[in-house]
Amino acid sequence: MEDTFFLAECCESYILKKHSLVIASYPSLIIFGEIENGRKFRHLKYFKFQAFLAKNLLKVIEAIVTFFNDSSESTINNQFFSDISNNLIYYWKGFSAQNLKFIEFGIEINQSKTFKVSFDLEDINNFIYLIRRCLIASLCLKDLEEQFIEEILKLSIQQLISCKNNHLARTEIVNSFKQEIKLEHVLKNGTLSEILNYYNDIILVLKDLSDLHFCENEME
């Protein structure tokens, strides 16, 4: 039986006004799709992504970036999630028409489409930003902890990777943050250090999402 996701129960939500769609975060989840009666996501018309599988979503976004930036690719079709037990498929398709590119996100169940939406380059840029925002919110952190993540995303990939299972590297980064916000004598290291370690894979995904850029000139 499909879960019901009420907007009133989400951590954060944002509207893609051009399409009247909503992206929302729940604990360890990101939901994207149509809303029914302004209250909940519509049955069979939303995508559901697990926060701890964000690497898979990043691969999809990177493939879409490649499609937009590669002038040689005119049409492409990719399935990026399937649930065999429920005959459910998430897919995206890329199209080119008159030097313009757009992609289609869709959902199929039992080989029938239940949902689809077309995004151009501007839509994708907005989508990436909101996915990034909702991924942070899905971790259910305190305000200061979210601020910490936003700050460490300014570090290099190598610095962030070094924090995995490396207490000394984490301590140096946490101490630097505490000095910057002038709470070095109040704030304890433990929680922030564990965030760097436990959420390291998600932080790396957030870093990649933050660094993604599109250039319309490359598409001409």
N, C-alpha and C. Protein backbone atom coordinates (compact mmCIF):
# COMPACT_ATOMS: atom_id res chain seq x y z
N MET A 1 0.84 -1.20 0.00
CA MET A 1 0.00 0.00 0.00
C MET A 1 0.88 1.25 0.00
N GLU A 2 0.54 2.20 -0.83
CA GLU A 2 1.35 3.41 -0.97
C GLU A 2 1.18 4.32 0.25
N ASP A 3 2.31 4.90 0.69
CA ASP A 3 2.27 5.83 1.82
C ASP A 3 1.57 7.12 1.41
N THR A 4 1.03 7.82 2.41
CA THR A 4 0.42 9.12 2.19
C THR A 4 1.32 10.18 2.81
N PHE A 5 1.67 11.20 2.02
CA PHE A 5 2.56 12.25 2.48
C PHE A 5 1.80 13.57 2.51
N PHE A 6 1.48 14.03 3.73
CA PHE A 6 0.77 15.29 3.92
C PHE A 6 1.76 16.44 4.00
N LEU A 7 1.41 17.55 3.36
CA LEU A 7 2.29 18.73 3.40
C LEU A 7 2.45 19.25 4.82
N ALA A 8 1.42 19.12 5.63
CA ALA A 8 1.48 19.63 7.00
C ALA A 8 2.53 18.89 7.83
N GLU A 9 2.95 17.72 7.38
CA GLU A 9 3.90 16.91 8.14
C GLU A 9 5.33 17.01 7.62
N CYS A 10 5.56 17.80 6.57
CA CYS A 10 6.90 17.86 5.98
C CYS A 10 7.79 18.82 6.77
N CYS A 11 9.10 18.70 6.55
CA CYS A 11 10.07 19.58 7.21
C CYS A 11 10.12 20.94 6.50
N GLU A 12 10.19 20.90 5.17
CA GLU A 12 10.19 22.10 4.33
C GLU A 12 9.53 21.75 3.01
N SER A 13 8.95 22.75 2.35
CA SER A 13 8.37 22.51 1.03
C SER A 13 8.53 23.76 0.17
N TYR A 14 8.64 23.53 -1.14
CA TYR A 14 8.83 24.61 -2.11
C TYR A 14 7.98 24.32 -3.34
N ILE A 15 7.49 25.38 -3.97
CA ILE A 15 6.65 25.25 -5.15
C ILE A 15 7.43 25.62 -6.40
N LEU A 16 7.39 24.76 -7.41
CA LEU A 16 7.87 25.12 -8.73
C LEU A 16 6.69 25.75 -9.46
N LYS A 17 6.60 27.07 -9.37
CA LYS A 17 5.39 27.78 -9.80
C LYS A 17 5.05 27.54 -11.26
N LYS A 18 6.06 27.43 -12.10
CA LYS A 18 5.83 27.24 -13.53
C LYS A 18 5.04 25.97 -13.81
N HIS A 19 5.21 24.96 -12.96
CA HIS A 19 4.57 23.66 -13.18
C HIS A 19 3.54 23.31 -12.10
N SER A 20 3.40 24.16 -11.10
CA SER A 20 2.49 23.89 -9.98
C SER A 20 2.81 22.56 -9.29
N LEU A 21 4.10 22.28 -9.18
CA LEU A 21 4.56 21.08 -8.50
C LEU A 21 5.25 21.46 -7.20
N VAL A 22 5.37 20.50 -6.31
CA VAL A 22 5.96 20.75 -5.00
C VAL A 22 7.12 19.79 -4.75
N ILE A 23 8.20 20.34 -4.19
CA ILE A 23 9.30 19.53 -3.65
C ILE A 23 9.28 19.71 -2.14
N ALA A 24 9.26 18.61 -1.42
CA ALA A 24 9.17 18.68 0.05
C ALA A 24 10.15 17.69 0.68
N SER A 25 10.60 18.03 1.86
CA SER A 25 11.47 17.13 2.61
C SER A 25 10.73 16.59 3.82
N TYR A 26 10.96 15.32 4.08
CA TYR A 26 10.49 14.62 5.27
C TYR A 26 11.71 13.95 5.90
N PRO A 27 11.62 13.48 7.12
CA PRO A 27 12.80 12.84 7.71
C PRO A 27 13.35 11.74 6.81
N SER A 28 14.57 11.96 6.32
CA SER A 28 15.31 11.02 5.45
C SER A 28 14.67 10.81 4.09
N LEU A 29 13.74 11.69 3.68
CA LEU A 29 13.07 11.54 2.39
C LEU A 29 12.93 12.88 1.67
N ILE A 30 12.93 12.82 0.33
CA ILE A 30 12.56 13.96 -0.50
C ILE A 30 11.43 13.50 -1.41
N ILE A 31 10.35 14.27 -1.47
CA ILE A 31 9.19 13.95 -2.31
C ILE A 31 8.98 15.08 -3.31
N PHE A 32 8.68 14.70 -4.56
CA PHE A 32 8.51 15.68 -5.62
C PHE A 32 7.36 15.26 -6.52
N GLY A 33 6.37 16.15 -6.69
CA GLY A 33 5.26 15.80 -7.57
C GLY A 33 4.05 16.68 -7.42
N GLU A 34 2.88 16.13 -7.78
CA GLU A 34 1.63 16.87 -7.75
C GLU A 34 0.97 16.81 -6.37
N ILE A 35 0.25 17.89 -6.05
CA ILE A 35 -0.46 17.98 -4.77
C ILE A 35 -1.97 17.89 -5.00
N GLU A 36 -2.62 17.20 -4.11
CA GLU A 36 -4.07 17.02 -4.18
C GLU A 36 -4.77 17.85 -3.10
N ASN A 37 -5.67 18.74 -3.54
CA ASN A 37 -6.45 19.58 -2.62
C ASN A 37 -5.59 20.41 -1.69
N GLY A 38 -4.36 20.70 -2.12
CA GLY A 38 -3.46 21.52 -1.31
C GLY A 38 -3.03 20.87 -0.02
N ARG A 39 -3.25 19.55 0.11
CA ARG A 39 -3.00 18.88 1.39
C ARG A 39 -1.94 17.78 1.34
N LYS A 40 -1.92 17.01 0.26
CA LYS A 40 -1.05 15.83 0.23
C LYS A 40 -0.62 15.55 -1.21
N PHE A 41 0.44 14.73 -1.33
CA PHE A 41 0.89 14.35 -2.65
C PHE A 41 -0.09 13.37 -3.28
N ARG A 42 -0.35 13.58 -4.57
CA ARG A 42 -1.35 12.81 -5.29
C ARG A 42 -0.86 11.39 -5.58
N HIS A 43 -1.72 10.43 -5.38
CA HIS A 43 -1.42 9.02 -5.57
C HIS A 43 -0.84 8.74 -6.96
N LEU A 44 0.33 8.07 -6.99
CA LEU A 44 1.01 7.66 -8.22
C LEU A 44 1.53 8.82 -9.06
N LYS A 45 1.59 10.02 -8.48
CA LYS A 45 2.05 11.19 -9.23
C LYS A 45 3.16 11.94 -8.48
N TYR A 46 3.99 11.19 -7.79
CA TYR A 46 5.13 11.81 -7.12
C TYR A 46 6.33 10.86 -7.11
N PHE A 47 7.52 11.46 -7.09
CA PHE A 47 8.77 10.73 -6.94
C PHE A 47 9.16 10.73 -5.46
N LYS A 48 9.74 9.64 -5.01
CA LYS A 48 10.20 9.53 -3.62
C LYS A 48 11.67 9.11 -3.64
N PHE A 49 12.52 9.92 -2.98
CA PHE A 49 13.95 9.65 -2.93
C PHE A 49 14.41 9.51 -1.48
N GLN A 50 15.18 8.48 -1.20
CA GLN A 50 15.76 8.29 0.13
C GLN A 50 17.00 9.17 0.28
N ALA A 51 17.09 9.92 1.37
CA ALA A 51 18.24 10.81 1.57
C ALA A 51 19.55 10.05 1.56
N PHE A 52 19.58 8.86 2.14
CA PHE A 52 20.83 8.11 2.23
C PHE A 52 21.19 7.41 0.91
N LEU A 53 20.31 7.54 -0.10
CA LEU A 53 20.63 7.06 -1.44
C LEU A 53 20.78 8.24 -2.39
N ALA A 54 21.16 9.39 -1.83
CA ALA A 54 21.27 10.63 -2.63
C ALA A 54 22.31 10.50 -3.73
N LYS A 55 23.28 9.61 -3.57
CA LYS A 55 24.28 9.41 -4.63
C LYS A 55 23.60 8.99 -5.93
N ASN A 56 22.57 8.17 -5.83
CA ASN A 56 21.86 7.71 -7.02
C ASN A 56 21.17 8.88 -7.72
N LEU A 57 20.56 9.75 -6.94
CA LEU A 57 19.91 10.92 -7.51
C LEU A 57 20.94 11.85 -8.14
N LEU A 58 22.11 11.99 -7.50
CA LEU A 58 23.17 12.83 -8.05
C LEU A 58 23.61 12.32 -9.42
N LYS A 59 23.71 11.01 -9.58
CA LYS A 59 24.10 10.43 -10.87
C LYS A 59 23.11 10.81 -11.96
N VAL A 60 21.82 10.80 -11.61
CA VAL A 60 20.78 11.20 -12.57
C VAL A 60 20.97 12.65 -12.97
N ILE A 61 21.17 13.51 -11.99
CA ILE A 61 21.34 14.95 -12.26
C ILE A 61 22.59 15.20 -13.09
N GLU A 62 23.67 14.49 -12.78
CA GLU A 62 24.90 14.65 -13.56
C GLU A 62 24.70 14.21 -15.00
N ALA A 63 23.92 13.15 -15.22
CA ALA A 63 23.64 12.71 -16.59
C ALA A 63 22.81 13.75 -17.33
N ILE A 64 21.90 14.39 -16.63
CA ILE A 64 21.08 15.45 -17.24
C ILE A 64 21.95 16.65 -17.59
N VAL A 65 22.88 17.01 -16.70
CA VAL A 65 23.81 18.09 -16.98
C VAL A 65 24.62 17.78 -18.24
N THR A 66 25.10 16.55 -18.33
CA THR A 66 25.86 16.14 -19.52
C THR A 66 25.02 16.27 -20.77
N PHE A 67 23.76 15.86 -20.70
CA PHE A 67 22.87 15.97 -21.85
C PHE A 67 22.71 17.41 -22.30
N PHE A 68 22.48 18.33 -21.35
CA PHE A 68 22.29 19.73 -21.70
C PHE A 68 23.57 20.34 -22.29
N ASN A 69 24.71 19.91 -21.82
CA ASN A 69 25.97 20.52 -22.23
C ASN A 69 26.62 19.86 -23.45
N ASP A 70 26.08 18.74 -23.89
CA ASP A 70 26.65 18.02 -25.02
C ASP A 70 25.81 18.29 -26.27
N SER A 71 26.36 19.07 -27.18
CA SER A 71 25.63 19.45 -28.39
C SER A 71 25.38 18.26 -29.32
N SER A 72 26.11 17.17 -29.13
CA SER A 72 25.96 16.02 -30.01
C SER A 72 24.78 15.12 -29.64
N GLU A 73 24.27 15.28 -28.42
CA GLU A 73 23.18 14.41 -27.97
C GLU A 73 21.83 15.05 -28.29
N SER A 74 21.04 14.38 -29.11
CA SER A 74 19.74 14.93 -29.51
C SER A 74 18.58 14.27 -28.78
N THR A 75 18.68 12.96 -28.52
CA THR A 75 17.62 12.25 -27.81
C THR A 75 18.26 11.20 -26.91
N ILE A 76 17.75 11.09 -25.72
CA ILE A 76 18.29 10.11 -24.78
C ILE A 76 17.17 9.64 -23.86
N ASN A 77 17.23 8.40 -23.45
CA ASN A 77 16.17 7.80 -22.62
C ASN A 77 16.83 6.99 -21.52
N ASN A 78 16.52 7.32 -20.27
CA ASN A 78 17.15 6.62 -19.14
C ASN A 78 16.12 6.26 -18.07
N GLN A 79 16.17 5.03 -17.65
CA GLN A 79 15.41 4.59 -16.48
C GLN A 79 16.33 4.72 -15.27
N PHE A 80 15.87 5.38 -14.18
CA PHE A 80 16.79 5.57 -13.06
C PHE A 80 16.31 4.97 -11.75
N PHE A 81 15.12 4.40 -11.74
CA PHE A 81 14.66 3.70 -10.54
C PHE A 81 13.58 2.72 -10.95
N SER A 82 13.61 1.53 -10.38
CA SER A 82 12.53 0.57 -10.63
C SER A 82 12.24 -0.22 -9.37
N ASP A 83 10.97 -0.48 -9.18
CA ASP A 83 10.50 -1.30 -8.06
C ASP A 83 9.73 -2.46 -8.68
N ILE A 84 10.41 -3.59 -8.84
CA ILE A 84 9.83 -4.73 -9.55
C ILE A 84 8.56 -5.22 -8.86
N SER A 85 8.56 -5.22 -7.53
CA SER A 85 7.41 -5.75 -6.79
C SER A 85 6.14 -4.96 -7.06
N ASN A 86 6.29 -3.65 -7.37
CA ASN A 86 5.12 -2.80 -7.64
C ASN A 86 5.03 -2.38 -9.11
N ASN A 87 5.90 -2.96 -9.97
CA ASN A 87 5.92 -2.62 -11.40
C ASN A 87 6.05 -1.11 -11.61
N LEU A 88 6.89 -0.47 -10.80
CA LEU A 88 7.05 0.98 -10.82
C LEU A 88 8.40 1.36 -11.44
N ILE A 89 8.38 2.36 -12.32
CA ILE A 89 9.59 2.86 -12.96
C ILE A 89 9.61 4.37 -12.92
N TYR A 90 10.75 4.95 -12.50
CA TYR A 90 11.02 6.38 -12.69
C TYR A 90 11.96 6.49 -13.90
N TYR A 91 11.71 7.47 -14.77
CA TYR A 91 12.57 7.63 -15.93
C TYR A 91 12.75 9.10 -16.26
N TRP A 92 13.77 9.39 -17.10
CA TRP A 92 13.88 10.71 -17.70
C TRP A 92 14.28 10.55 -19.17
N LYS A 93 13.79 11.46 -19.99
CA LYS A 93 14.10 11.47 -21.42
C LYS A 93 14.60 12.85 -21.79
N GLY A 94 15.59 12.89 -22.66
CA GLY A 94 16.10 14.17 -23.15
C GLY A 94 15.75 14.36 -24.61
N PHE A 95 15.35 15.58 -24.97
CA PHE A 95 14.94 15.89 -26.34
C PHE A 95 15.60 17.18 -26.80
N SER A 96 15.85 17.28 -28.10
CA SER A 96 16.35 18.51 -28.72
C SER A 96 15.40 18.92 -29.82
N ALA A 97 15.11 20.22 -29.88
CA ALA A 97 14.22 20.73 -30.93
C ALA A 97 14.61 22.17 -31.22
N GLN A 98 15.02 22.44 -32.48
CA GLN A 98 15.36 23.79 -32.91
C GLN A 98 16.40 24.44 -31.98
N ASN A 99 17.47 23.71 -31.73
CA ASN A 99 18.58 24.18 -30.89
C ASN A 99 18.21 24.40 -29.43
N LEU A 100 17.06 23.91 -29.03
CA LEU A 100 16.64 23.96 -27.63
C LEU A 100 16.56 22.55 -27.08
N LYS A 101 16.95 22.41 -25.82
CA LYS A 101 16.89 21.10 -25.19
C LYS A 101 15.94 21.14 -23.99
N PHE A 102 15.29 20.02 -23.77
CA PHE A 102 14.46 19.88 -22.58
C PHE A 102 14.43 18.41 -22.19
N ILE A 103 14.08 18.15 -20.94
CA ILE A 103 13.99 16.77 -20.47
C ILE A 103 12.60 16.52 -19.92
N GLU A 104 12.24 15.26 -19.92
CA GLU A 104 10.95 14.83 -19.37
C GLU A 104 11.20 13.86 -18.23
N PHE A 105 10.68 14.18 -17.05
CA PHE A 105 10.64 13.24 -15.94
C PHE A 105 9.30 12.51 -15.99
N GLY A 106 9.31 11.21 -15.73
CA GLY A 106 8.04 10.50 -15.75
C GLY A 106 8.00 9.29 -14.83
N ILE A 107 6.79 8.83 -14.57
CA ILE A 107 6.55 7.64 -13.75
C ILE A 107 5.69 6.68 -14.55
N GLU A 108 6.09 5.42 -14.58
CA GLU A 108 5.30 4.38 -15.24
C GLU A 108 4.96 3.28 -14.24
N ILE A 109 3.74 2.80 -14.29
CA ILE A 109 3.31 1.67 -13.47
C ILE A 109 2.58 0.70 -14.39
N ASN A 110 3.06 -0.54 -14.40
CA ASN A 110 2.49 -1.54 -15.31
C ASN A 110 2.51 -1.05 -16.75
N GLN A 111 3.63 -0.39 -17.13
CA GLN A 111 3.88 0.11 -18.48
C GLN A 111 2.92 1.23 -18.90
N SER A 112 2.22 1.84 -17.95
CA SER A 112 1.35 2.98 -18.23
C SER A 112 1.88 4.21 -17.50
N LYS A 113 1.96 5.35 -18.19
CA LYS A 113 2.43 6.57 -17.57
C LYS A 113 1.38 7.13 -16.63
N THR A 114 1.80 7.43 -15.41
CA THR A 114 0.90 8.06 -14.45
C THR A 114 1.26 9.51 -14.19
N PHE A 115 2.50 9.90 -14.60
CA PHE A 115 2.95 11.27 -14.35
C PHE A 115 4.09 11.60 -15.30
N LYS A 116 4.10 12.86 -15.81
CA LYS A 116 5.25 13.34 -16.57
C LYS A 116 5.27 14.86 -16.51
N VAL A 117 6.49 15.41 -16.60
CA VAL A 117 6.66 16.86 -16.60
C VAL A 117 7.91 17.19 -17.41
N SER A 118 7.87 18.26 -18.18
CA SER A 118 9.01 18.68 -18.99
C SER A 118 9.72 19.85 -18.34
N PHE A 119 11.06 19.77 -18.31
CA PHE A 119 11.90 20.82 -17.72
C PHE A 119 12.86 21.34 -18.78
N ASP A 120 13.01 22.68 -18.83
CA ASP A 120 14.07 23.26 -19.64
C ASP A 120 15.26 23.56 -18.73
N LEU A 121 16.25 24.25 -19.27
CA LEU A 121 17.48 24.50 -18.50
C LEU A 121 17.21 25.28 -17.22
N GLU A 122 16.39 26.33 -17.31
CA GLU A 122 16.07 27.13 -16.12
C GLU A 122 15.38 26.28 -15.07
N ASP A 123 14.45 25.42 -15.51
CA ASP A 123 13.75 24.54 -14.57
C ASP A 123 14.72 23.62 -13.84
N ILE A 124 15.69 23.08 -14.59
CA ILE A 124 16.67 22.17 -14.00
C ILE A 124 17.53 22.88 -12.96
N ASN A 125 17.93 24.11 -13.27
CA ASN A 125 18.70 24.88 -12.29
C ASN A 125 17.92 25.08 -10.99
N ASN A 126 16.65 25.43 -11.12
CA ASN A 126 15.79 25.60 -9.95
C ASN A 126 15.62 24.28 -9.21
N PHE A 127 15.43 23.21 -9.96
CA PHE A 127 15.23 21.88 -9.39
C PHE A 127 16.45 21.46 -8.57
N ILE A 128 17.64 21.65 -9.13
CA ILE A 128 18.87 21.27 -8.41
C ILE A 128 18.98 22.04 -7.10
N TYR A 129 18.70 23.34 -7.15
CA TYR A 129 18.79 24.15 -5.94
C TYR A 129 17.83 23.64 -4.87
N LEU A 130 16.59 23.33 -5.26
CA LEU A 130 15.58 22.91 -4.29
C LEU A 130 15.84 21.49 -3.78
N ILE A 131 16.35 20.63 -4.64
CA ILE A 131 16.75 19.29 -4.18
C ILE A 131 17.84 19.41 -3.12
N ARG A 132 18.80 20.27 -3.37
CA ARG A 132 19.88 20.50 -2.41
C ARG A 132 19.32 20.99 -1.08
N ARG A 133 18.42 21.97 -1.15
CA ARG A 133 17.83 22.53 0.06
C ARG A 133 17.04 21.47 0.84
N CYS A 134 16.25 20.67 0.11
CA CYS A 134 15.42 19.66 0.77
C CYS A 134 16.26 18.51 1.32
N LEU A 135 17.38 18.22 0.67
CA LEU A 135 18.26 17.17 1.18
C LEU A 135 18.82 17.56 2.54
N ILE A 136 19.23 18.81 2.70
CA ILE A 136 19.70 19.28 4.01
C ILE A 136 18.57 19.20 5.03
N ALA A 137 17.39 19.68 4.65
CA ALA A 137 16.26 19.70 5.59
C ALA A 137 15.85 18.29 6.01
N SER A 138 16.03 17.31 5.13
CA SER A 138 15.62 15.93 5.44
C SER A 138 16.46 15.31 6.54
N LEU A 139 17.59 15.93 6.88
CA LEU A 139 18.44 15.42 7.95
C LEU A 139 17.93 15.82 9.34
N CYS A 140 16.96 16.75 9.36
CA CYS A 140 16.32 17.17 10.62
C CYS A 140 17.34 17.70 11.64
N LEU A 141 18.21 18.57 11.18
CA LEU A 141 19.23 19.14 12.04
C LEU A 141 18.76 20.43 12.69
N LYS A 142 19.48 20.87 13.71
CA LYS A 142 19.22 22.16 14.33
C LYS A 142 19.75 23.27 13.42
N ASP A 143 19.29 24.50 13.66
CA ASP A 143 19.68 25.63 12.81
C ASP A 143 21.19 25.80 12.74
N LEU A 144 21.86 25.71 13.89
CA LEU A 144 23.31 25.88 13.91
C LEU A 144 24.01 24.76 13.15
N GLU A 145 23.46 23.56 13.23
CA GLU A 145 24.04 22.42 12.52
C GLU A 145 23.89 22.59 11.01
N GLU A 146 22.73 23.13 10.59
CA GLU A 146 22.55 23.42 9.16
C GLU A 146 23.51 24.51 8.70
N GLN A 147 23.71 25.51 9.55
CA GLN A 147 24.67 26.57 9.24
C GLN A 147 26.07 25.98 9.08
N PHE A 148 26.39 25.03 9.93
CA PHE A 148 27.70 24.35 9.86
C PHE A 148 27.86 23.65 8.52
N ILE A 149 26.84 22.93 8.08
CA ILE A 149 26.92 22.23 6.80
C ILE A 149 27.09 23.23 5.65
N GLU A 150 26.32 24.31 5.68
CA GLU A 150 26.45 25.32 4.62
C GLU A 150 27.87 25.87 4.57
N GLU A 151 28.49 26.05 5.72
CA GLU A 151 29.85 26.59 5.76
C GLU A 151 30.87 25.60 5.24
N ILE A 152 30.74 24.33 5.64
CA ILE A 152 31.76 23.36 5.22
C ILE A 152 31.64 23.01 3.74
N LEU A 153 30.49 23.32 3.13
CA LEU A 153 30.37 23.08 1.69
C LEU A 153 31.28 24.01 0.88
N LYS A 154 31.85 25.02 1.54
CA LYS A 154 32.81 25.90 0.88
C LYS A 154 34.20 25.25 0.81
N LEU A 155 34.38 24.15 1.54
CA LEU A 155 35.67 23.45 1.53
C LEU A 155 35.80 22.63 0.25
N SER A 156 37.01 22.14 0.01
CA SER A 156 37.24 21.32 -1.17
C SER A 156 36.71 19.90 -0.95
N ILE A 157 36.50 19.19 -2.05
CA ILE A 157 36.09 17.79 -1.98
C ILE A 157 37.10 16.98 -1.16
N GLN A 158 38.39 17.23 -1.39
CA GLN A 158 39.44 16.49 -0.69
C GLN A 158 39.36 16.70 0.82
N GLN A 159 39.10 17.93 1.24
CA GLN A 159 38.98 18.21 2.67
C GLN A 159 37.79 17.48 3.29
N LEU A 160 36.69 17.46 2.57
CA LEU A 160 35.50 16.79 3.08
C LEU A 160 35.69 15.27 3.14
N ILE A 161 36.31 14.71 2.13
CA ILE A 161 36.57 13.27 2.12
C ILE A 161 37.48 12.88 3.27
N SER A 162 38.43 13.76 3.59
CA SER A 162 39.40 13.45 4.65
C SER A 162 38.74 13.34 6.02
N CYS A 163 37.52 13.85 6.15
CA CYS A 163 36.83 13.82 7.44
C CYS A 163 36.27 12.44 7.79
N LYS A 164 36.11 11.60 6.76
CA LYS A 164 35.55 10.28 7.00
C LYS A 164 36.52 9.45 7.84
N ASN A 165 36.10 9.08 9.03
CA ASN A 165 36.90 8.25 9.93
C ASN A 165 38.25 8.87 10.28
N ASN A 166 38.32 10.21 10.25
CA ASN A 166 39.56 10.90 10.61
C ASN A 166 39.22 11.98 11.64
N HIS A 167 39.38 11.64 12.89
CA HIS A 167 38.98 12.53 13.98
C HIS A 167 39.74 13.85 13.95
N LEU A 168 41.04 13.80 13.67
CA LEU A 168 41.86 15.02 13.67
C LEU A 168 41.39 16.00 12.59
N ALA A 169 41.13 15.49 11.40
CA ALA A 169 40.66 16.35 10.31
C ALA A 169 39.33 17.00 10.66
N ARG A 170 38.45 16.24 11.27
CA ARG A 170 37.14 16.79 11.67
C ARG A 170 37.30 17.85 12.74
N THR A 171 38.18 17.59 13.71
CA THR A 171 38.38 18.54 14.80
C THR A 171 38.88 19.89 14.28
N GLU A 172 39.78 19.86 13.32
CA GLU A 172 40.31 21.11 12.76
C GLU A 172 39.21 21.91 12.07
N ILE A 173 38.34 21.24 11.34
CA ILE A 173 37.26 21.92 10.63
C ILE A 173 36.23 22.47 11.61
N VAL A 174 35.89 21.69 12.62
CA VAL A 174 34.92 22.14 13.62
C VAL A 174 35.47 23.33 14.40
N ASN A 175 36.72 23.28 14.80
CA ASN A 175 37.32 24.39 15.55
C ASN A 175 37.35 25.67 14.72
N SER A 176 37.63 25.53 13.44
CA SER A 176 37.64 26.69 12.55
C SER A 176 36.24 27.32 12.47
N PHE A 177 35.22 26.48 12.38
CA PHE A 177 33.85 26.98 12.33
C PHE A 177 33.48 27.69 13.63
N LYS A 178 33.85 27.11 14.76
CA LYS A 178 33.53 27.70 16.07
C LYS A 178 34.21 29.07 16.23
N GLN A 179 35.42 29.18 15.76
CA GLN A 179 36.11 30.47 15.84
C GLN A 179 35.44 31.51 14.95
N GLU A 180 34.98 31.06 13.79
CA GLU A 180 34.34 31.99 12.85
C GLU A 180 33.05 32.56 13.41
N ILE A 181 32.27 31.73 14.11
CA ILE A 181 31.00 32.21 14.68
C ILE A 181 31.17 32.66 16.13
N LYS A 182 32.43 32.64 16.60
CA LYS A 182 32.78 33.15 17.93
C LYS A 182 32.05 32.41 19.06
N LEU A 183 32.02 31.09 18.94
CA LEU A 183 31.43 30.25 19.99
C LEU A 183 32.40 29.15 20.43
N GLU A 184 33.70 29.42 20.26
CA GLU A 184 34.68 28.38 20.54
C GLU A 184 34.72 27.96 22.01
N HIS A 185 34.26 28.83 22.92
CA HIS A 185 34.29 28.50 24.34
C HIS A 185 32.94 27.99 24.85
N VAL A 186 31.96 27.91 23.97
CA VAL A 186 30.61 27.49 24.37
C VAL A 186 30.19 26.19 23.69
N LEU A 187 30.42 26.12 22.41
CA LEU A 187 29.94 25.00 21.60
C LEU A 187 30.88 23.80 21.71
N LYS A 188 30.31 22.63 21.97
CA LYS A 188 31.10 21.41 22.04
C LYS A 188 31.33 20.82 20.65
N ASN A 189 32.43 20.11 20.51
CA ASN A 189 32.81 19.56 19.20
C ASN A 189 32.03 18.32 18.79
N GLY A 190 31.58 17.55 19.76
CA GLY A 190 31.06 16.20 19.50
C GLY A 190 30.04 16.10 18.39
N THR A 191 28.95 16.86 18.49
CA THR A 191 27.86 16.75 17.53
C THR A 191 28.28 17.12 16.13
N LEU A 192 28.98 18.25 15.99
CA LEU A 192 29.41 18.69 14.67
C LEU A 192 30.41 17.71 14.05
N SER A 193 31.27 17.16 14.88
CA SER A 193 32.24 16.18 14.39
C SER A 193 31.53 14.94 13.88
N GLU A 194 30.51 14.48 14.60
CA GLU A 194 29.75 13.30 14.18
C GLU A 194 28.96 13.56 12.91
N ILE A 195 28.46 14.79 12.74
CA ILE A 195 27.76 15.14 11.49
C ILE A 195 28.72 14.99 10.31
N LEU A 196 29.94 15.48 10.47
CA LEU A 196 30.95 15.36 9.41
C LEU A 196 31.25 13.90 9.07
N ASN A 197 31.21 13.04 10.06
CA ASN A 197 31.54 11.64 9.86
C ASN A 197 30.32 10.85 9.36
N TYR A 198 29.22 10.93 10.09
CA TYR A 198 28.04 10.10 9.81
C TYR A 198 27.37 10.49 8.50
N TYR A 199 27.31 11.80 8.21
CA TYR A 199 26.66 12.28 7.00
C TYR A 199 27.65 12.60 5.88
N ASN A 200 28.84 12.02 5.95
CA ASN A 200 29.88 12.40 5.00
C ASN A 200 29.46 12.18 3.55
N ASP A 201 28.83 11.05 3.25
CA ASP A 201 28.41 10.77 1.87
C ASP A 201 27.38 11.79 1.39
N ILE A 202 26.44 12.15 2.26
CA ILE A 202 25.42 13.13 1.89
C ILE A 202 26.05 14.51 1.72
N ILE A 203 27.00 14.85 2.58
CA ILE A 203 27.69 16.15 2.46
C ILE A 203 28.43 16.23 1.13
N LEU A 204 29.03 15.14 0.70
CA LEU A 204 29.72 15.12 -0.59
C LEU A 204 28.74 15.31 -1.74
N VAL A 205 27.55 14.72 -1.63
CA VAL A 205 26.51 14.93 -2.64
C VAL A 205 26.09 16.40 -2.66
N LEU A 206 25.90 16.98 -1.49
CA LEU A 206 25.53 18.39 -1.39
C LEU A 206 26.60 19.28 -2.02
N LYS A 207 27.86 18.92 -1.80
CA LYS A 207 28.96 19.68 -2.40
C LYS A 207 28.89 19.61 -3.92
N ASP A 208 28.64 18.44 -4.47
CA ASP A 208 28.55 18.29 -5.92
C ASP A 208 27.35 19.07 -6.47
N LEU A 209 26.23 19.02 -5.77
CA LEU A 209 25.05 19.77 -6.22
C LEU A 209 25.34 21.27 -6.20
N SER A 210 26.07 21.72 -5.18
CA SER A 210 26.40 23.14 -5.06
C SER A 210 27.32 23.59 -6.20
N ASP A 211 28.15 22.68 -6.68
CA ASP A 211 29.14 23.03 -7.70
C ASP A 211 28.63 22.88 -9.13
N LEU A 212 27.41 22.36 -9.29
CA LEU A 212 26.89 22.15 -10.64
C LEU A 212 26.49 23.48 -11.26
N HIS A 213 26.93 23.69 -12.50
CA HIS A 213 26.58 24.92 -13.23
C HIS A 213 26.21 24.57 -14.65
N PHE A 214 25.33 25.39 -15.23
CA PHE A 214 24.95 25.26 -16.63
C PHE A 214 25.39 26.51 -17.38
N CYS A 215 25.71 26.33 -18.65
CA CYS A 215 26.06 27.47 -19.50
C CYS A 215 25.26 27.36 -20.79
N GLU A 216 24.34 28.30 -20.99
CA GLU A 216 23.49 28.22 -22.16
C GLU A 216 24.28 28.32 -23.45
N ASN A 217 25.41 29.03 -23.43
CA ASN A 217 26.21 29.18 -24.65
C ASN A 217 26.73 27.83 -25.15
N GLU A 218 26.95 26.90 -24.21
CA GLU A 218 27.47 25.60 -24.60
C GLU A 218 26.43 24.79 -25.37
N MET A 219 25.17 25.21 -25.27
CA MET A 219 24.11 24.47 -25.94
C MET A 219 23.82 25.00 -27.33
N GLU A 220 24.37 26.12 -27.69
CA GLU A 220 24.06 26.74 -28.97
C GLU A 220 24.88 26.12 -30.11
